[in-house]
N, C-alpha and C. Protein backbone atom coordinates (compact mmCIF):
# COMPACT_ATOMS: atom_id res chain seq x y z
N MET A 1 72.83 -34.74 19.32
CA MET A 1 71.89 -33.66 19.32
C MET A 1 72.63 -32.35 19.54
N SER A 2 72.05 -31.26 18.98
CA SER A 2 72.74 -30.00 19.12
C SER A 2 72.38 -29.37 20.45
N ARG A 3 73.17 -28.45 20.86
CA ARG A 3 72.97 -27.84 22.16
C ARG A 3 72.05 -26.63 22.13
N ASP A 4 71.54 -26.19 20.98
CA ASP A 4 70.71 -24.98 20.95
C ASP A 4 69.25 -25.28 21.27
N HIS A 5 68.89 -26.54 21.45
CA HIS A 5 67.55 -26.98 21.84
C HIS A 5 66.44 -26.42 20.95
N GLY A 6 66.64 -26.43 19.68
CA GLY A 6 65.62 -26.00 18.73
C GLY A 6 65.56 -24.51 18.51
N ARG A 7 66.52 -23.77 19.02
CA ARG A 7 66.49 -22.32 18.87
C ARG A 7 67.03 -21.86 17.52
N SER A 8 67.55 -22.74 16.76
CA SER A 8 68.13 -22.33 15.49
C SER A 8 67.06 -21.81 14.53
N ALA A 9 65.84 -22.24 14.72
CA ALA A 9 64.77 -21.76 13.85
C ALA A 9 64.44 -20.31 14.14
N LEU A 10 64.76 -19.81 15.32
CA LEU A 10 64.46 -18.46 15.69
C LEU A 10 65.54 -17.47 15.28
N ARG A 11 66.69 -17.97 14.90
CA ARG A 11 67.79 -17.10 14.50
C ARG A 11 67.52 -16.56 13.12
N PRO A 12 67.84 -15.29 12.90
CA PRO A 12 67.67 -14.75 11.55
C PRO A 12 68.65 -15.39 10.59
N ARG A 13 68.13 -15.67 9.44
CA ARG A 13 68.98 -16.25 8.42
C ARG A 13 69.67 -15.15 7.66
N ALA A 14 70.77 -15.48 7.14
CA ALA A 14 71.50 -14.53 6.32
C ALA A 14 70.83 -14.45 4.97
N PRO A 15 70.74 -13.26 4.40
CA PRO A 15 70.11 -13.17 3.08
C PRO A 15 70.87 -14.00 2.07
N SER A 16 70.12 -14.64 1.19
CA SER A 16 70.74 -15.53 0.22
C SER A 16 71.38 -14.76 -0.92
N ASP A 17 70.90 -13.56 -1.14
CA ASP A 17 71.53 -12.75 -2.17
C ASP A 17 71.90 -11.40 -1.58
N ALA A 18 72.29 -10.51 -2.39
CA ALA A 18 72.82 -9.25 -1.90
C ALA A 18 71.73 -8.21 -1.65
N ARG A 19 70.51 -8.48 -2.03
CA ARG A 19 69.50 -7.44 -1.85
C ARG A 19 69.07 -7.33 -0.40
N ASP A 20 68.57 -6.17 0.00
CA ASP A 20 68.15 -5.90 1.36
C ASP A 20 66.75 -6.49 1.59
N ARG A 21 66.46 -7.00 2.75
CA ARG A 21 65.17 -7.61 3.07
C ARG A 21 64.04 -6.57 3.14
N ARG A 22 64.38 -5.32 3.34
CA ARG A 22 63.34 -4.30 3.45
C ARG A 22 62.78 -3.88 2.10
N SER A 23 63.41 -4.17 1.03
CA SER A 23 62.92 -3.79 -0.29
C SER A 23 61.78 -4.72 -0.70
N PRO A 24 60.85 -4.23 -1.53
CA PRO A 24 59.72 -5.07 -1.95
C PRO A 24 60.19 -6.22 -2.82
N PRO A 25 59.40 -7.27 -2.88
CA PRO A 25 59.77 -8.41 -3.72
C PRO A 25 59.74 -8.00 -5.18
N PRO A 26 60.49 -8.66 -5.98
CA PRO A 26 60.52 -8.29 -7.40
C PRO A 26 59.18 -8.58 -8.06
N ALA A 27 58.83 -7.77 -9.03
CA ALA A 27 57.58 -7.97 -9.77
C ALA A 27 57.70 -9.21 -10.62
N ARG A 28 56.60 -9.96 -10.71
CA ARG A 28 56.62 -11.21 -11.45
C ARG A 28 56.03 -11.05 -12.84
N GLY A 29 55.69 -9.88 -13.20
CA GLY A 29 55.14 -9.66 -14.52
C GLY A 29 54.70 -8.22 -14.62
N PRO A 30 54.24 -7.79 -15.77
CA PRO A 30 53.82 -6.40 -15.90
C PRO A 30 52.58 -6.12 -15.06
N GLY A 31 52.64 -5.14 -14.17
CA GLY A 31 51.51 -4.73 -13.34
C GLY A 31 51.14 -5.70 -12.24
N HIS A 32 52.02 -6.63 -11.91
CA HIS A 32 51.68 -7.66 -10.92
C HIS A 32 51.44 -7.07 -9.54
N SER A 33 52.26 -6.15 -9.09
CA SER A 33 52.08 -5.59 -7.75
C SER A 33 50.81 -4.76 -7.68
N ARG A 34 50.43 -4.08 -8.74
CA ARG A 34 49.18 -3.33 -8.76
C ARG A 34 47.98 -4.25 -8.76
N ALA A 35 48.03 -5.34 -9.45
CA ALA A 35 46.90 -6.28 -9.52
C ALA A 35 46.61 -6.87 -8.14
N ARG A 36 47.67 -7.17 -7.40
CA ARG A 36 47.44 -7.70 -6.05
C ARG A 36 46.82 -6.67 -5.15
N ALA A 37 47.16 -5.41 -5.27
CA ALA A 37 46.62 -4.37 -4.42
C ALA A 37 45.18 -4.04 -4.80
N ALA A 38 44.79 -4.24 -6.05
CA ALA A 38 43.44 -3.91 -6.51
C ALA A 38 42.45 -5.04 -6.26
N THR A 39 42.90 -6.23 -6.00
CA THR A 39 42.01 -7.37 -5.84
C THR A 39 40.96 -7.17 -4.75
N PRO A 40 41.27 -6.71 -3.53
CA PRO A 40 40.23 -6.49 -2.53
C PRO A 40 39.22 -5.42 -2.95
N ALA A 41 39.69 -4.37 -3.61
CA ALA A 41 38.77 -3.31 -4.04
C ALA A 41 37.82 -3.82 -5.12
N VAL A 42 38.33 -4.60 -6.05
CA VAL A 42 37.48 -5.17 -7.10
C VAL A 42 36.47 -6.14 -6.50
N GLY A 43 36.90 -6.93 -5.54
CA GLY A 43 35.98 -7.87 -4.87
C GLY A 43 34.85 -7.15 -4.16
N LYS A 44 35.18 -6.10 -3.45
CA LYS A 44 34.14 -5.32 -2.75
C LYS A 44 33.20 -4.65 -3.73
N ALA A 45 33.75 -4.12 -4.82
CA ALA A 45 32.91 -3.48 -5.84
C ALA A 45 31.95 -4.48 -6.45
N LEU A 46 32.40 -5.69 -6.70
CA LEU A 46 31.50 -6.73 -7.24
C LEU A 46 30.43 -7.12 -6.23
N GLU A 47 30.78 -7.19 -4.96
CA GLU A 47 29.80 -7.50 -3.92
C GLU A 47 28.72 -6.41 -3.86
N VAL A 48 29.14 -5.15 -3.88
CA VAL A 48 28.19 -4.04 -3.85
C VAL A 48 27.30 -4.05 -5.09
N ALA A 49 27.89 -4.30 -6.26
CA ALA A 49 27.11 -4.35 -7.50
C ALA A 49 26.09 -5.47 -7.46
N LEU A 50 26.46 -6.61 -6.93
CA LEU A 50 25.53 -7.74 -6.81
C LEU A 50 24.39 -7.41 -5.84
N LEU A 51 24.71 -6.75 -4.74
CA LEU A 51 23.68 -6.36 -3.78
C LEU A 51 22.71 -5.34 -4.39
N VAL A 52 23.22 -4.36 -5.12
CA VAL A 52 22.37 -3.37 -5.79
C VAL A 52 21.46 -4.06 -6.81
N LEU A 53 22.01 -5.00 -7.55
CA LEU A 53 21.22 -5.74 -8.53
C LEU A 53 20.11 -6.54 -7.86
N LEU A 54 20.41 -7.17 -6.73
CA LEU A 54 19.40 -7.94 -6.00
C LEU A 54 18.29 -7.03 -5.48
N VAL A 55 18.63 -5.90 -4.90
CA VAL A 55 17.64 -4.95 -4.39
C VAL A 55 16.78 -4.41 -5.54
N ALA A 56 17.39 -4.09 -6.67
CA ALA A 56 16.63 -3.60 -7.83
C ALA A 56 15.68 -4.66 -8.35
N LEU A 57 16.12 -5.90 -8.38
CA LEU A 57 15.26 -6.99 -8.86
C LEU A 57 14.08 -7.21 -7.92
N LEU A 58 14.32 -7.21 -6.62
CA LEU A 58 13.23 -7.38 -5.66
C LEU A 58 12.25 -6.21 -5.72
N THR A 59 12.76 -5.00 -5.81
CA THR A 59 11.89 -3.82 -5.89
C THR A 59 11.03 -3.87 -7.13
N THR A 60 11.60 -4.22 -8.26
CA THR A 60 10.84 -4.31 -9.51
C THR A 60 9.78 -5.39 -9.42
N THR A 61 10.12 -6.52 -8.85
CA THR A 61 9.16 -7.61 -8.73
C THR A 61 8.01 -7.23 -7.81
N LEU A 62 8.32 -6.64 -6.68
CA LEU A 62 7.26 -6.31 -5.72
C LEU A 62 6.37 -5.18 -6.23
N PHE A 63 6.96 -4.09 -6.69
CA PHE A 63 6.16 -2.95 -7.12
C PHE A 63 5.56 -3.15 -8.51
N GLY A 64 6.10 -4.06 -9.29
CA GLY A 64 5.58 -4.29 -10.63
C GLY A 64 4.43 -5.26 -10.67
N GLY A 65 4.35 -6.20 -9.74
CA GLY A 65 3.31 -7.20 -9.85
C GLY A 65 2.59 -7.54 -8.57
N VAL A 66 3.33 -7.79 -7.52
CA VAL A 66 2.74 -8.30 -6.30
C VAL A 66 1.99 -7.21 -5.52
N LEU A 67 2.62 -6.08 -5.27
CA LEU A 67 2.01 -5.05 -4.44
C LEU A 67 0.79 -4.38 -5.08
N PRO A 68 0.81 -4.04 -6.38
CA PRO A 68 -0.41 -3.44 -6.95
C PRO A 68 -1.61 -4.38 -6.88
N THR A 69 -1.39 -5.67 -7.08
CA THR A 69 -2.49 -6.63 -6.97
C THR A 69 -3.02 -6.67 -5.54
N TYR A 70 -2.13 -6.66 -4.58
CA TYR A 70 -2.55 -6.65 -3.18
C TYR A 70 -3.30 -5.36 -2.84
N ARG A 71 -2.79 -4.22 -3.33
CA ARG A 71 -3.45 -2.95 -3.03
C ARG A 71 -4.84 -2.89 -3.65
N THR A 72 -5.01 -3.44 -4.85
CA THR A 72 -6.33 -3.45 -5.48
C THR A 72 -7.28 -4.36 -4.70
N ALA A 73 -6.80 -5.51 -4.25
CA ALA A 73 -7.63 -6.41 -3.46
C ALA A 73 -8.02 -5.76 -2.13
N ALA A 74 -7.08 -5.09 -1.49
CA ALA A 74 -7.40 -4.40 -0.24
C ALA A 74 -8.36 -3.24 -0.49
N GLY A 75 -8.20 -2.54 -1.62
CA GLY A 75 -9.11 -1.45 -1.97
C GLY A 75 -10.52 -1.97 -2.24
N ALA A 76 -10.62 -3.12 -2.90
CA ALA A 76 -11.94 -3.71 -3.15
C ALA A 76 -12.62 -4.12 -1.85
N GLU A 77 -11.84 -4.63 -0.92
CA GLU A 77 -12.40 -5.00 0.38
C GLU A 77 -12.88 -3.76 1.14
N LEU A 78 -12.09 -2.70 1.11
CA LEU A 78 -12.49 -1.47 1.77
C LEU A 78 -13.73 -0.87 1.10
N ALA A 79 -13.82 -0.98 -0.22
CA ALA A 79 -15.01 -0.49 -0.93
C ALA A 79 -16.25 -1.26 -0.50
N ASP A 80 -16.12 -2.58 -0.33
CA ASP A 80 -17.26 -3.37 0.15
C ASP A 80 -17.70 -2.93 1.55
N ARG A 81 -16.74 -2.70 2.42
CA ARG A 81 -17.09 -2.25 3.77
C ARG A 81 -17.70 -0.85 3.75
N THR A 82 -17.21 0.01 2.87
CA THR A 82 -17.76 1.36 2.75
C THR A 82 -19.20 1.30 2.25
N LEU A 83 -19.47 0.44 1.28
CA LEU A 83 -20.85 0.27 0.80
C LEU A 83 -21.75 -0.29 1.89
N ALA A 84 -21.25 -1.23 2.65
CA ALA A 84 -22.05 -1.79 3.75
C ALA A 84 -22.35 -0.72 4.79
N ARG A 85 -21.37 0.11 5.10
CA ARG A 85 -21.57 1.20 6.06
C ARG A 85 -22.56 2.22 5.51
N SER A 86 -22.48 2.51 4.22
CA SER A 86 -23.42 3.45 3.59
C SER A 86 -24.84 2.90 3.63
N ALA A 87 -24.99 1.63 3.30
CA ALA A 87 -26.33 1.01 3.32
C ALA A 87 -26.89 1.01 4.73
N THR A 88 -26.07 0.74 5.72
CA THR A 88 -26.53 0.75 7.11
C THR A 88 -26.98 2.15 7.52
N ALA A 89 -26.24 3.17 7.12
CA ALA A 89 -26.61 4.55 7.45
C ALA A 89 -27.94 4.92 6.81
N VAL A 90 -28.14 4.50 5.56
CA VAL A 90 -29.41 4.79 4.87
C VAL A 90 -30.55 4.06 5.56
N GLU A 91 -30.35 2.81 5.92
CA GLU A 91 -31.40 2.03 6.59
C GLU A 91 -31.75 2.61 7.95
N ARG A 92 -30.77 3.09 8.69
CA ARG A 92 -31.04 3.64 10.02
C ARG A 92 -31.74 5.00 9.97
N ALA A 93 -31.58 5.70 8.87
CA ALA A 93 -32.22 7.02 8.75
C ALA A 93 -33.73 6.89 8.56
N VAL A 94 -34.16 5.81 7.98
CA VAL A 94 -35.60 5.60 7.70
C VAL A 94 -36.27 5.05 8.96
N PRO A 95 -37.43 5.63 9.34
CA PRO A 95 -38.13 5.10 10.51
C PRO A 95 -38.61 3.67 10.25
N VAL A 96 -38.71 2.92 11.34
CA VAL A 96 -39.11 1.52 11.21
C VAL A 96 -40.52 1.41 10.62
N ASP A 97 -41.43 2.24 11.12
CA ASP A 97 -42.81 2.21 10.63
C ASP A 97 -43.12 3.58 10.04
N GLY A 98 -42.89 3.73 8.74
CA GLY A 98 -43.12 5.00 8.07
C GLY A 98 -44.58 5.39 8.03
N ASP A 99 -45.47 4.40 8.10
CA ASP A 99 -46.90 4.69 8.06
C ASP A 99 -47.39 5.33 9.36
N ALA A 100 -46.66 5.21 10.43
CA ALA A 100 -47.07 5.77 11.71
C ALA A 100 -46.88 7.29 11.75
N TYR A 101 -46.16 7.83 10.81
CA TYR A 101 -45.87 9.26 10.80
C TYR A 101 -46.57 9.92 9.61
N THR A 102 -47.11 11.09 9.86
CA THR A 102 -47.65 11.86 8.74
C THR A 102 -46.54 12.69 8.13
N THR A 103 -45.69 13.24 8.96
CA THR A 103 -44.48 13.92 8.48
C THR A 103 -43.34 13.56 9.42
N PHE A 104 -42.19 13.39 8.83
CA PHE A 104 -41.02 13.01 9.62
C PHE A 104 -39.79 13.40 8.82
N GLU A 105 -38.83 14.00 9.49
CA GLU A 105 -37.56 14.31 8.82
C GLU A 105 -36.44 13.98 9.79
N HIS A 106 -35.49 13.23 9.29
CA HIS A 106 -34.36 12.82 10.13
C HIS A 106 -33.09 12.92 9.30
N THR A 107 -32.09 13.60 9.84
CA THR A 107 -30.79 13.73 9.17
C THR A 107 -29.72 13.19 10.09
N ARG A 108 -28.85 12.39 9.53
CA ARG A 108 -27.75 11.84 10.34
C ARG A 108 -26.47 11.89 9.53
N ARG A 109 -25.40 12.12 10.26
CA ARG A 109 -24.06 12.21 9.66
C ARG A 109 -23.54 10.81 9.36
N VAL A 110 -22.79 10.70 8.28
CA VAL A 110 -22.22 9.41 7.88
C VAL A 110 -20.70 9.59 7.74
N ASP A 111 -19.95 8.75 8.42
CA ASP A 111 -18.49 8.79 8.33
C ASP A 111 -18.01 7.76 7.32
N LEU A 112 -17.32 8.24 6.31
CA LEU A 112 -16.76 7.37 5.28
C LEU A 112 -15.28 7.66 5.13
N PRO A 113 -14.50 6.67 4.67
CA PRO A 113 -13.07 6.94 4.44
C PRO A 113 -12.87 7.98 3.35
N GLY A 114 -11.85 8.79 3.48
CA GLY A 114 -11.57 9.85 2.51
C GLY A 114 -11.05 9.33 1.19
N GLU A 115 -10.31 8.22 1.21
CA GLU A 115 -9.76 7.65 -0.01
C GLU A 115 -9.78 6.14 0.08
N ILE A 116 -9.92 5.52 -1.07
CA ILE A 116 -9.79 4.08 -1.18
C ILE A 116 -8.72 3.82 -2.24
N ARG A 117 -7.73 3.07 -1.86
CA ARG A 117 -6.56 2.76 -2.71
C ARG A 117 -5.91 4.02 -3.26
N GLY A 118 -5.87 5.04 -2.42
CA GLY A 118 -5.18 6.28 -2.75
C GLY A 118 -5.94 7.24 -3.64
N ASP A 119 -7.20 6.94 -3.96
CA ASP A 119 -8.00 7.81 -4.83
C ASP A 119 -9.33 8.14 -4.16
N ARG A 120 -9.87 9.30 -4.53
CA ARG A 120 -11.19 9.68 -4.05
C ARG A 120 -12.24 8.92 -4.85
N TYR A 121 -13.42 8.82 -4.28
CA TYR A 121 -14.49 8.03 -4.88
C TYR A 121 -15.82 8.72 -4.63
N ALA A 122 -16.88 8.14 -5.13
CA ALA A 122 -18.23 8.67 -4.91
C ALA A 122 -19.18 7.50 -4.65
N VAL A 123 -20.20 7.77 -3.83
CA VAL A 123 -21.30 6.82 -3.62
C VAL A 123 -22.53 7.48 -4.21
N ARG A 124 -23.15 6.81 -5.17
CA ARG A 124 -24.31 7.38 -5.86
C ARG A 124 -25.53 6.51 -5.63
N ALA A 125 -26.66 7.18 -5.45
CA ALA A 125 -27.93 6.47 -5.31
C ALA A 125 -28.59 6.37 -6.67
N ASP A 126 -29.11 5.18 -6.97
CA ASP A 126 -29.84 4.96 -8.21
C ASP A 126 -31.30 4.74 -7.86
N ASP A 127 -32.12 5.75 -8.18
CA ASP A 127 -33.54 5.70 -7.79
C ASP A 127 -34.30 4.62 -8.55
N THR A 128 -33.89 4.32 -9.75
CA THR A 128 -34.65 3.33 -10.53
C THR A 128 -34.47 1.93 -9.98
N THR A 129 -33.31 1.61 -9.46
CA THR A 129 -33.08 0.27 -8.92
C THR A 129 -33.07 0.25 -7.39
N GLY A 130 -33.00 1.42 -6.75
CA GLY A 130 -32.94 1.47 -5.29
C GLY A 130 -31.62 0.97 -4.73
N ARG A 131 -30.55 1.15 -5.45
CA ARG A 131 -29.24 0.65 -5.03
C ARG A 131 -28.25 1.79 -4.83
N LEU A 132 -27.24 1.50 -4.06
CA LEU A 132 -26.10 2.41 -3.88
C LEU A 132 -24.94 1.85 -4.68
N ARG A 133 -24.26 2.72 -5.40
CA ARG A 133 -23.12 2.30 -6.23
C ARG A 133 -21.89 3.09 -5.82
N LEU A 134 -20.79 2.39 -5.57
CA LEU A 134 -19.52 3.04 -5.27
C LEU A 134 -18.76 3.16 -6.59
N VAL A 135 -18.44 4.40 -6.97
CA VAL A 135 -17.75 4.68 -8.23
C VAL A 135 -16.32 5.09 -7.89
N HIS A 136 -15.35 4.35 -8.44
CA HIS A 136 -13.94 4.57 -8.15
C HIS A 136 -13.17 4.61 -9.47
N PRO A 137 -12.09 5.40 -9.57
CA PRO A 137 -11.34 5.46 -10.83
C PRO A 137 -10.65 4.15 -11.22
N ARG A 138 -10.37 3.28 -10.28
CA ARG A 138 -9.71 2.01 -10.60
C ARG A 138 -10.77 0.95 -10.91
N ALA A 139 -10.50 0.15 -11.91
CA ALA A 139 -11.49 -0.82 -12.39
C ALA A 139 -11.79 -1.91 -11.35
N GLY A 140 -10.83 -2.34 -10.59
CA GLY A 140 -11.06 -3.43 -9.64
C GLY A 140 -11.68 -3.02 -8.33
N VAL A 141 -11.95 -1.73 -8.15
CA VAL A 141 -12.48 -1.23 -6.89
C VAL A 141 -13.85 -0.62 -7.16
N GLY A 142 -14.84 -1.01 -6.38
CA GLY A 142 -16.19 -0.48 -6.54
C GLY A 142 -17.20 -1.54 -6.15
N GLY A 143 -18.46 -1.27 -6.42
CA GLY A 143 -19.48 -2.25 -6.11
C GLY A 143 -20.86 -1.63 -6.03
N VAL A 144 -21.83 -2.50 -5.80
CA VAL A 144 -23.23 -2.10 -5.71
C VAL A 144 -23.86 -2.84 -4.54
N VAL A 145 -24.73 -2.13 -3.81
CA VAL A 145 -25.46 -2.75 -2.71
C VAL A 145 -26.89 -2.20 -2.71
N ARG A 146 -27.82 -3.04 -2.29
CA ARG A 146 -29.21 -2.61 -2.19
C ARG A 146 -29.58 -2.55 -0.71
N PRO A 147 -29.81 -1.35 -0.18
CA PRO A 147 -30.20 -1.26 1.23
C PRO A 147 -31.62 -1.80 1.43
N ALA A 148 -31.88 -2.32 2.61
CA ALA A 148 -33.21 -2.84 2.94
C ALA A 148 -34.10 -1.67 3.34
N LEU A 149 -34.93 -1.23 2.40
CA LEU A 149 -35.83 -0.10 2.61
C LEU A 149 -37.27 -0.54 2.39
N PRO A 150 -38.22 0.14 3.03
CA PRO A 150 -39.63 -0.21 2.83
C PRO A 150 -40.05 0.03 1.38
N ASN A 151 -41.08 -0.67 0.95
CA ASN A 151 -41.61 -0.48 -0.40
C ASN A 151 -42.05 0.97 -0.59
N GLY A 152 -41.83 1.48 -1.78
CA GLY A 152 -42.23 2.84 -2.09
C GLY A 152 -41.22 3.89 -1.67
N THR A 153 -40.08 3.49 -1.16
CA THR A 153 -39.04 4.44 -0.74
C THR A 153 -38.23 4.85 -1.98
N THR A 154 -38.04 6.15 -2.13
CA THR A 154 -37.20 6.64 -3.22
C THR A 154 -35.83 7.00 -2.67
N LEU A 155 -34.83 6.78 -3.46
CA LEU A 155 -33.44 6.99 -3.06
C LEU A 155 -32.80 7.92 -4.07
N ALA A 156 -32.18 9.00 -3.60
CA ALA A 156 -31.59 10.00 -4.51
C ALA A 156 -30.35 10.61 -3.89
N GLY A 157 -29.52 11.24 -4.75
CA GLY A 157 -28.35 11.98 -4.29
C GLY A 157 -27.06 11.21 -4.45
N SER A 158 -25.99 11.84 -3.99
CA SER A 158 -24.67 11.20 -4.05
C SER A 158 -23.76 11.80 -2.99
N TRP A 159 -22.71 11.06 -2.68
CA TRP A 159 -21.68 11.51 -1.75
C TRP A 159 -20.34 11.46 -2.46
N ARG A 160 -19.51 12.44 -2.20
CA ARG A 160 -18.12 12.40 -2.63
C ARG A 160 -17.26 12.23 -1.40
N SER A 161 -16.20 11.48 -1.53
CA SER A 161 -15.40 11.14 -0.36
C SER A 161 -14.63 12.32 0.21
N ASP A 162 -14.45 13.39 -0.55
CA ASP A 162 -13.68 14.53 -0.05
C ASP A 162 -14.56 15.56 0.66
N ARG A 163 -15.81 15.24 0.88
CA ARG A 163 -16.73 16.16 1.55
C ARG A 163 -17.40 15.47 2.74
N ALA A 164 -17.96 16.29 3.64
CA ALA A 164 -18.74 15.75 4.75
C ALA A 164 -20.03 15.15 4.17
N THR A 165 -20.44 14.03 4.71
CA THR A 165 -21.61 13.33 4.17
C THR A 165 -22.67 13.14 5.24
N ARG A 166 -23.91 13.19 4.79
CA ARG A 166 -25.03 12.93 5.70
C ARG A 166 -26.18 12.37 4.88
N VAL A 167 -27.11 11.75 5.57
CA VAL A 167 -28.28 11.16 4.93
C VAL A 167 -29.52 11.76 5.58
N ARG A 168 -30.54 12.05 4.76
CA ARG A 168 -31.79 12.63 5.28
C ARG A 168 -32.95 11.78 4.79
N ALA A 169 -33.85 11.46 5.72
CA ALA A 169 -35.07 10.73 5.38
C ALA A 169 -36.26 11.64 5.63
N ASN A 170 -37.12 11.76 4.64
CA ASN A 170 -38.35 12.55 4.74
C ASN A 170 -39.54 11.62 4.56
N VAL A 171 -40.44 11.68 5.51
CA VAL A 171 -41.69 10.93 5.40
C VAL A 171 -42.79 11.95 5.20
N THR A 172 -43.51 11.80 4.10
CA THR A 172 -44.65 12.66 3.80
C THR A 172 -45.80 11.77 3.36
N ASP A 173 -46.91 12.41 3.00
CA ASP A 173 -48.05 11.63 2.52
C ASP A 173 -47.70 10.87 1.25
N GLY A 174 -46.72 11.35 0.50
CA GLY A 174 -46.34 10.71 -0.75
C GLY A 174 -45.43 9.51 -0.55
N GLY A 175 -44.93 9.25 0.63
CA GLY A 175 -44.05 8.12 0.89
C GLY A 175 -42.76 8.57 1.57
N VAL A 176 -41.78 7.70 1.53
CA VAL A 176 -40.50 7.96 2.17
C VAL A 176 -39.47 8.30 1.08
N ARG A 177 -38.75 9.38 1.30
CA ARG A 177 -37.68 9.79 0.38
C ARG A 177 -36.38 9.87 1.17
N VAL A 178 -35.35 9.17 0.69
CA VAL A 178 -34.04 9.17 1.32
C VAL A 178 -33.08 9.90 0.37
N GLU A 179 -32.37 10.88 0.94
CA GLU A 179 -31.42 11.67 0.14
C GLU A 179 -30.02 11.56 0.72
N LEU A 180 -29.07 11.36 -0.16
CA LEU A 180 -27.66 11.42 0.21
C LEU A 180 -27.21 12.85 -0.02
N LEU A 181 -26.74 13.51 1.05
CA LEU A 181 -26.39 14.92 0.99
C LEU A 181 -24.92 15.12 1.31
N GLU A 182 -24.36 16.20 0.74
CA GLU A 182 -22.99 16.58 1.05
C GLU A 182 -23.00 17.88 1.84
N GLY A 183 -21.98 18.07 2.64
CA GLY A 183 -21.88 19.28 3.45
C GLY A 183 -22.25 19.00 4.88
N SER A 184 -21.89 19.92 5.74
CA SER A 184 -22.12 19.72 7.18
C SER A 184 -23.47 20.23 7.65
N GLY A 185 -24.21 20.95 6.80
CA GLY A 185 -25.49 21.59 7.14
C GLY A 185 -26.40 20.70 7.79
């Protein structure tokens, strides 16, 4: 056994040729040293490009199909609640026993959302059918409701969502008339 106890591996070896160890290794082909230096940058650029592509694909999928359908469904649900709130306001404005009054006038404020699915809308009364109709620019949003009113009650007027809304009930000898009014008056 040798006396260096395994230290020979730690000794610097003499260079096998005449070139200095500090000089770069010889190129193994045209542009070889540049290709090795560019590899990490190209890898990162491909990773970033793949991430951008994934984000663009998800954004297109969500905003192109899934989210508009959800927003229309949520808008339709809000329209139904708005119609129910409108019908309740109309019903509460009318006295329970209209025959007990010779004349009666009652006006009450109605709070409605300003927009449904990002657009303004209108609630219109149809006197011929006695129904309230929510009119919205989007086809999937809207609806019709018939408030529970006494026989012989006429329903008229309309509300726009961008204005203050109120309902007025008039009881006269001719019957009960319910009007949908705009403005704070």
